[in-house]
């Protein structure tokens, strides 16, 4: 056995505190900028390794499942790439219009694919995990086309958006790593199974490291932000997140999906790959544009467990009512 039960238990708890690591990383980056700026050459490969880790949890069959349940998959994809991009745009223009970089960052956060922890949150919410995995796989693969296109359309009026360069970066840090991960997991699943328990913990620390670099690179501008602007950024993130959950759930209900599937689409829609958005924002604009993604990462990981609990209670209650109706 690769590691004992106690070590596995500790590792499984590490991602629960990603919000805390992110806050600590930001503080360290702002305090020791010179140290963390040296990480610049490693940031893109680091993000690629996180996406590779995601790929190691997927198989080719996860992509083929879209043909088994095309309606559910299409509803999930439609929700992901309409609710979050448009929600991010509307919220950003309404609340963050004074800072064009914030608009770009909020839109980019919304156009990026599903977050890497969405499968775990779906499981904790008693949703349809198989559907969640399929949606994560498909959303990540089509993101290199949809993310640059939607970002260009929605944010191009406020900041320069090089759609082609964004596409190439998306291919480099998402499509290629996730494909490699899927291939490795398909041909060497026995060996991959031994390292899978480490992957969520590794991804958490990698994302925190990226945040530290963002804070260090943009220290001068970040420290000039007023408390009011920071508050607006948090409020915008909260609204964006809850729009994702609420409208994602509404999509499922409108298409008459059952409760576990509605919960899955809600979670997949709201949980964003903020690490990817952070790296793309700082590469194509600056650290200020990355702040919405960093804020989103913190907020979604703080509130996520509470929303899981809400959904779980709803499933239990619905199940009990269904059983009661049969007796």
Protein backbone atom coordinates (compact mmCIF):
# COMPACT_ATOMS: atom_id res chain seq x y z
CA UNK A 1 0.00 0.00 0.00
CA UNK A 2 1.32 3.44 -0.96
CA UNK A 3 0.45 5.04 2.41
CA UNK A 4 -1.40 4.15 5.57
CA UNK A 5 -5.00 5.05 6.43
CA UNK A 6 -3.98 7.85 8.78
CA UNK A 7 -1.92 9.59 6.10
CA UNK A 8 -4.75 9.21 3.60
CA UNK A 9 -7.17 10.79 6.06
CA UNK A 10 -4.87 13.78 6.57
CA UNK A 11 -4.42 14.21 2.82
CA UNK A 12 -8.16 14.09 2.22
CA UNK A 13 -8.68 17.03 4.59
CA UNK A 14 -6.07 19.32 3.02
CA UNK A 15 -8.27 20.62 0.15
CA UNK A 16 -10.97 21.61 2.68
CA UNK A 17 -8.81 24.55 3.70
CA UNK A 18 -7.86 25.87 0.27
CA UNK A 19 -9.49 29.20 1.14
CA UNK A 20 -7.12 29.51 4.12
CA UNK A 21 -4.03 28.61 2.09
CA UNK A 22 -5.08 31.21 -0.47
CA UNK A 23 -5.37 33.95 2.14
CA UNK A 24 -2.01 33.02 3.68
CA UNK A 25 -0.40 32.85 0.24
CA UNK A 26 -1.71 36.31 -0.64
CA UNK A 27 -0.36 37.74 2.61
CA UNK A 28 3.04 36.14 1.99
CA UNK A 29 3.15 37.40 -1.59
CA UNK A 30 2.36 40.95 -0.51
CA UNK A 31 4.92 40.81 2.30
CA UNK A 32 7.78 39.17 0.40
CA UNK A 33 7.24 40.17 -3.23
CA UNK A 34 10.85 39.79 -4.32
CA UNK A 35 10.90 36.16 -3.21
CA UNK A 36 7.69 35.09 -4.93
CA UNK A 37 8.33 37.06 -8.14
CA UNK A 38 11.12 34.59 -8.83
CA UNK A 39 8.45 31.93 -9.43
CA UNK A 40 7.42 33.58 -12.72
CA UNK A 41 8.92 30.90 -15.04
CA UNK A 42 7.26 28.12 -13.04
CA UNK A 43 3.68 29.46 -12.92
CA UNK A 44 2.39 28.20 -16.28
CA UNK A 45 3.95 24.71 -15.87
CA UNK A 46 2.60 24.62 -12.32
CA UNK A 47 -0.94 25.25 -13.54
CA UNK A 48 -0.43 22.69 -16.29
CA UNK A 49 0.49 20.13 -13.64
CA UNK A 50 -2.77 20.86 -11.79
CA UNK A 51 -4.77 20.24 -14.98
CA UNK A 52 -2.70 17.10 -15.59
CA UNK A 53 -3.65 15.93 -12.09
CA UNK A 54 -7.29 16.45 -13.03
CA UNK A 55 -6.74 14.41 -16.18
CA UNK A 56 -5.34 11.56 -14.08
CA UNK A 57 -8.77 11.23 -12.45
CA UNK A 58 -10.51 10.84 -15.83
CA UNK A 59 -10.85 8.06 -18.39
CA UNK A 60 -11.82 8.05 -22.03
CA UNK A 61 -15.19 6.63 -21.02
CA UNK A 62 -15.94 9.84 -19.10
CA UNK A 63 -16.01 11.69 -22.42
CA UNK A 64 -18.07 9.00 -24.14
CA UNK A 65 -20.74 9.18 -21.43
CA UNK A 66 -21.98 12.38 -23.05
CA UNK A 67 -23.52 10.19 -25.75
CA UNK A 68 -25.29 8.03 -23.16
CA UNK A 69 -26.96 11.03 -21.51
CA UNK A 70 -26.81 13.77 -24.17
CA UNK A 71 -29.65 15.82 -22.68
CA UNK A 72 -28.05 16.09 -19.23
CA UNK A 73 -24.61 16.83 -20.65
CA UNK A 74 -25.89 19.48 -23.05
CA UNK A 75 -27.90 21.19 -20.31
CA UNK A 76 -24.78 21.27 -18.12
CA UNK A 77 -22.57 22.67 -20.88
CA UNK A 78 -25.18 25.26 -21.86
CA UNK A 79 -25.52 26.36 -18.25
CA UNK A 80 -21.75 26.59 -17.74
CA UNK A 81 -21.08 28.73 -20.79
CA UNK A 82 -24.07 31.06 -20.56
CA UNK A 83 -24.72 31.66 -16.85
CA UNK A 84 -21.15 32.24 -15.72
CA UNK A 85 -19.83 34.38 -18.61
CA UNK A 86 -22.95 36.58 -18.77
CA UNK A 87 -23.30 36.67 -14.99
CA UNK A 88 -19.68 37.74 -14.62
CA UNK A 89 -20.09 40.41 -17.27
CA UNK A 90 -23.27 41.91 -15.79
CA UNK A 91 -21.95 41.89 -12.23
CA UNK A 92 -18.58 43.34 -13.26
CA UNK A 93 -20.03 46.18 -15.32
CA UNK A 94 -22.54 47.04 -12.59
CA UNK A 95 -20.14 46.97 -9.64
CA UNK A 96 -16.56 47.07 -10.92
CA UNK A 97 -16.81 49.44 -13.88
CA UNK A 98 -14.29 51.86 -12.38
CA UNK A 99 -11.50 49.31 -12.91
CA UNK A 100 -11.41 47.79 -16.43
CA UNK A 101 -8.98 45.09 -15.29
CA UNK A 102 -11.55 43.92 -12.74
CA UNK A 103 -14.16 43.61 -15.48
CA UNK A 104 -11.76 41.53 -17.58
CA UNK A 105 -10.86 39.33 -14.62
CA UNK A 106 -14.46 38.74 -13.57
CA UNK A 107 -15.49 37.88 -17.12
CA UNK A 108 -12.50 35.56 -17.56
CA UNK A 109 -13.34 33.80 -14.30
CA UNK A 110 -16.83 33.21 -15.67
CA UNK A 111 -15.68 31.96 -19.07
CA UNK A 112 -13.20 29.44 -17.66
CA UNK A 113 -14.30 25.81 -17.25
CA UNK A 114 -15.48 24.03 -14.14
CA UNK A 115 -13.27 23.99 -11.05
CA UNK A 116 -11.21 20.94 -10.18
CA UNK A 117 -13.07 20.38 -6.88
CA UNK A 118 -16.56 20.32 -8.40
CA UNK A 119 -16.63 16.51 -8.46
CA UNK A 120 -15.91 16.37 -4.73
CA UNK A 121 -18.55 18.98 -3.94
CA UNK A 122 -21.08 17.11 -6.10
CA UNK A 123 -20.37 13.95 -4.12
CA UNK A 124 -20.77 15.80 -0.81
CA UNK A 125 -24.05 17.28 -2.07
CA UNK A 126 -25.41 13.81 -2.98
CA UNK A 127 -25.53 14.81 -6.64
CA UNK A 128 -24.83 12.69 -9.73
CA UNK A 129 -21.05 12.17 -9.56
CA UNK A 130 -20.85 10.35 -12.91
CA UNK A 131 -22.53 13.32 -14.62
CA UNK A 132 -20.24 15.71 -12.76
CA UNK A 133 -17.13 13.91 -14.00
CA UNK A 134 -18.44 13.88 -17.57
CA UNK A 135 -19.26 17.61 -17.47
CA UNK A 136 -15.84 18.47 -16.00
CA UNK A 137 -14.13 16.51 -18.75
CA UNK A 138 -16.15 18.00 -21.62
CA UNK A 139 -16.06 21.57 -20.26
CA UNK A 140 -12.27 21.44 -19.94
CA UNK A 141 -11.78 20.11 -23.47
CA UNK A 142 -14.02 22.70 -25.18
CA UNK A 143 -12.71 25.57 -23.04
CA UNK A 144 -9.80 26.46 -25.37
CA UNK A 145 -12.39 27.54 -27.96
CA UNK A 146 -15.15 28.99 -25.78
CA UNK A 147 -13.07 30.77 -23.12
CA UNK A 148 -11.09 33.03 -25.51
CA UNK A 149 -14.12 33.65 -27.75
CA UNK A 150 -16.48 34.62 -24.93
CA UNK A 151 -13.81 36.68 -23.18
CA UNK A 152 -13.13 38.60 -26.38
CA UNK A 153 -16.82 39.29 -26.98
CA UNK A 154 -17.65 40.32 -23.41
CA UNK A 155 -14.45 41.99 -22.19
CA UNK A 156 -12.90 43.23 -25.44
CA UNK A 157 -14.60 46.61 -25.10
CA UNK A 158 -12.83 47.28 -21.78
CA UNK A 159 -9.36 45.78 -22.24
CA UNK A 160 -7.36 44.45 -25.21
CA UNK A 161 -8.10 40.73 -25.69
CA UNK A 162 -5.82 38.69 -27.96
CA UNK A 163 -8.21 35.81 -28.65
CA UNK A 164 -5.66 33.77 -30.61
CA UNK A 165 -2.96 34.06 -27.93
CA UNK A 166 -5.53 33.18 -25.28
CA UNK A 167 -6.55 30.13 -27.32
CA UNK A 168 -2.93 28.95 -27.62
CA UNK A 169 -2.40 29.37 -23.88
CA UNK A 170 -5.59 27.43 -23.16
CA UNK A 171 -4.40 24.58 -25.38
CA UNK A 172 -1.04 24.60 -23.60
CA UNK A 173 -2.34 24.64 -20.03
CA UNK A 174 -5.62 22.72 -20.36
CA UNK A 175 -6.10 20.57 -23.46
CA UNK A 176 -2.61 19.07 -23.65
CA UNK A 177 -2.21 18.33 -19.90
CA UNK A 178 -5.72 16.89 -19.48
CA UNK A 179 -5.23 14.70 -22.57
CA UNK A 180 -1.92 13.40 -21.25
CA UNK A 181 -3.53 12.70 -17.88
CA UNK A 182 -6.44 10.79 -19.44
CA UNK A 183 -4.09 8.69 -21.58
CA UNK A 184 -1.86 7.85 -18.61
CA UNK A 185 -4.86 6.92 -16.46
CA UNK A 186 -6.28 4.78 -19.26
CA UNK A 187 -3.12 2.77 -19.95
CA UNK A 188 -1.62 2.71 -16.45
CA UNK A 189 -4.58 3.02 -14.07
CA UNK A 190 -3.02 0.57 -11.60
CA UNK A 191 -0.07 2.89 -10.99
CA UNK A 192 -2.12 6.08 -11.13
CA UNK A 193 -4.39 4.72 -8.38
CA UNK A 194 -1.42 4.79 -6.01
CA UNK A 195 -0.87 8.53 -6.39
CA UNK A 196 -4.51 9.66 -6.73
CA UNK A 197 -4.88 10.36 -2.96
CA UNK A 198 -2.05 12.91 -3.24
CA UNK A 199 -3.49 14.83 -6.21
CA UNK A 200 -6.11 17.03 -4.46
CA UNK A 201 -3.60 18.09 -1.79
CA UNK A 202 -0.96 18.81 -4.43
CA UNK A 203 -3.43 20.86 -6.49
CA UNK A 204 -4.41 22.90 -3.41
CA UNK A 205 -0.83 23.87 -2.63
CA UNK A 206 -0.10 24.57 -6.30
CA UNK A 207 -3.04 26.98 -6.53
CA UNK A 208 -1.92 28.69 -3.31
CA UNK A 209 1.57 29.11 -4.78
CA UNK A 210 0.10 30.72 -7.90
CA UNK A 211 -1.87 33.15 -5.70
CA UNK A 212 1.31 34.09 -3.81
CA UNK A 213 2.97 34.92 -7.12
CA UNK A 214 -0.02 37.02 -8.23
CA UNK A 215 0.07 39.00 -4.99
CA UNK A 216 3.82 39.55 -5.31
CA UNK A 217 3.64 40.67 -8.94
CA UNK A 218 0.87 43.17 -8.31
CA UNK A 219 1.88 44.31 -4.83
CA UNK A 220 2.21 47.99 -5.75
CA UNK A 221 -1.24 48.23 -7.36
CA UNK A 222 -3.01 45.90 -4.93
CA UNK A 223 -1.93 47.95 -1.92
CA UNK A 224 -3.39 51.09 -3.49
CA UNK A 225 -6.91 49.60 -3.63
CA UNK A 226 -9.35 51.27 -1.28
CA UNK A 227 -11.34 49.20 1.23
CA UNK A 228 -14.47 50.14 -0.73
CA UNK A 229 -13.08 48.64 -3.97
CA UNK A 230 -12.11 45.46 -2.13
CA UNK A 231 -15.62 45.27 -0.68
CA UNK A 232 -17.14 45.71 -4.15
CA UNK A 233 -14.91 42.91 -5.43
CA UNK A 234 -16.13 40.57 -2.69
CA UNK A 235 -19.78 41.51 -3.27
CA UNK A 236 -19.39 40.98 -7.02
CA UNK A 237 -17.90 37.56 -6.37
CA UNK A 238 -20.70 36.57 -4.01
CA UNK A 239 -23.36 37.58 -6.53
CA UNK A 240 -21.53 35.81 -9.35
CA UNK A 241 -21.21 32.61 -7.30
CA UNK A 242 -24.84 32.54 -6.22
CA UNK A 243 -26.00 33.29 -9.77
CA UNK A 244 -24.09 30.19 -10.82
CA UNK A 245 -25.71 28.00 -8.19
CA UNK A 246 -29.24 29.41 -8.60
CA UNK A 247 -29.40 29.61 -12.39
CA UNK A 248 -27.55 26.32 -12.83
CA UNK A 249 -30.21 24.68 -10.66
CA UNK A 250 -32.93 26.50 -12.62
CA UNK A 251 -31.53 25.14 -15.90
CA UNK A 252 -31.84 21.60 -14.58
CA UNK A 253 -35.36 22.22 -13.35
CA UNK A 254 -36.44 23.84 -16.63
CA UNK A 255 -35.34 20.73 -18.52
CA UNK A 256 -37.14 18.50 -15.99
CA UNK A 257 -34.03 16.77 -14.63
CA UNK A 258 -34.25 14.99 -11.29
CA UNK A 259 -32.92 16.52 -8.06
CA UNK A 260 -29.42 14.91 -8.05
CA UNK A 261 -28.88 16.04 -11.65
CA UNK A 262 -30.07 19.58 -10.87
CA UNK A 263 -27.65 19.71 -7.94
CA UNK A 264 -24.84 18.49 -10.18
CA UNK A 265 -25.45 21.10 -12.87
CA UNK A 266 -25.79 23.80 -10.21
CA UNK A 267 -22.45 22.84 -8.66
CA UNK A 268 -20.67 22.38 -11.99
CA UNK A 269 -21.89 25.80 -13.13
CA UNK A 270 -20.92 27.72 -10.00
CA UNK A 271 -17.54 26.12 -9.22
CA UNK A 272 -14.96 27.76 -11.48
CA UNK A 273 -11.36 26.91 -12.32
CA UNK A 274 -10.09 30.05 -10.63
CA UNK A 275 -6.47 28.87 -10.79
CA UNK A 276 -6.65 28.83 -14.57
CA UNK A 277 -8.36 32.23 -14.64
CA UNK A 278 -5.67 33.64 -12.34
CA UNK A 279 -2.77 32.54 -14.52
CA UNK A 280 -4.41 33.65 -17.77
CA UNK A 281 -5.35 37.04 -16.32
CA UNK A 282 -1.89 37.86 -15.06
CA UNK A 283 -0.28 36.67 -18.29
CA UNK A 284 -2.58 38.60 -20.64
CA UNK A 285 -3.19 41.70 -18.49
CA UNK A 286 -1.78 42.18 -14.99
CA UNK A 287 -2.10 41.16 -11.34
CA UNK A 288 -5.07 43.47 -10.83
CA UNK A 289 -7.03 41.52 -13.45
CA UNK A 290 -6.22 38.32 -11.56
CA UNK A 291 -7.77 39.54 -8.29
CA UNK A 292 -11.37 38.61 -9.22
CA UNK A 293 -10.24 35.03 -9.83
CA UNK A 294 -8.31 34.92 -6.55
CA UNK A 295 -11.33 36.33 -4.70
CA UNK A 296 -13.59 33.80 -6.40
CA UNK A 297 -11.30 30.96 -5.30
CA UNK A 298 -11.48 32.06 -1.67
CA UNK A 299 -15.24 32.63 -1.63
CA UNK A 300 -16.24 29.44 -3.45
CA UNK A 301 -14.12 27.34 -1.12
CA UNK A 302 -15.40 29.07 2.03
CA UNK A 303 -19.08 28.79 1.07
CA UNK A 304 -18.92 25.53 -0.88
CA UNK A 305 -19.18 23.16 2.13
CA UNK A 306 -22.23 25.02 3.47
CA UNK A 307 -23.97 24.82 0.10
CA UNK A 308 -23.15 21.10 -0.04
CA UNK A 309 -24.83 20.68 3.33
CA UNK A 310 -27.91 22.57 2.10
CA UNK A 311 -28.21 20.36 -0.99
CA UNK A 312 -27.58 17.18 1.00
CA UNK A 313 -30.43 18.00 3.41
CA UNK A 314 -32.69 18.67 0.44
CA UNK A 315 -31.92 15.28 -1.09
CA UNK A 316 -32.51 13.49 2.22
CA UNK A 317 -35.81 15.32 2.76
CA UNK A 318 -37.01 14.59 -0.78
CA UNK A 319 -36.05 10.92 -0.44
CA UNK A 320 -37.89 10.62 2.87
CA UNK A 321 -40.99 12.28 1.40
CA UNK A 322 -40.90 9.92 -1.58
CA UNK A 323 -40.68 6.90 0.72
CA UNK A 324 -43.50 8.27 2.86
CA UNK A 325 -45.69 8.66 -0.20
CA UNK A 326 -45.24 5.00 -1.08
CA UNK A 327 -46.32 3.70 2.34
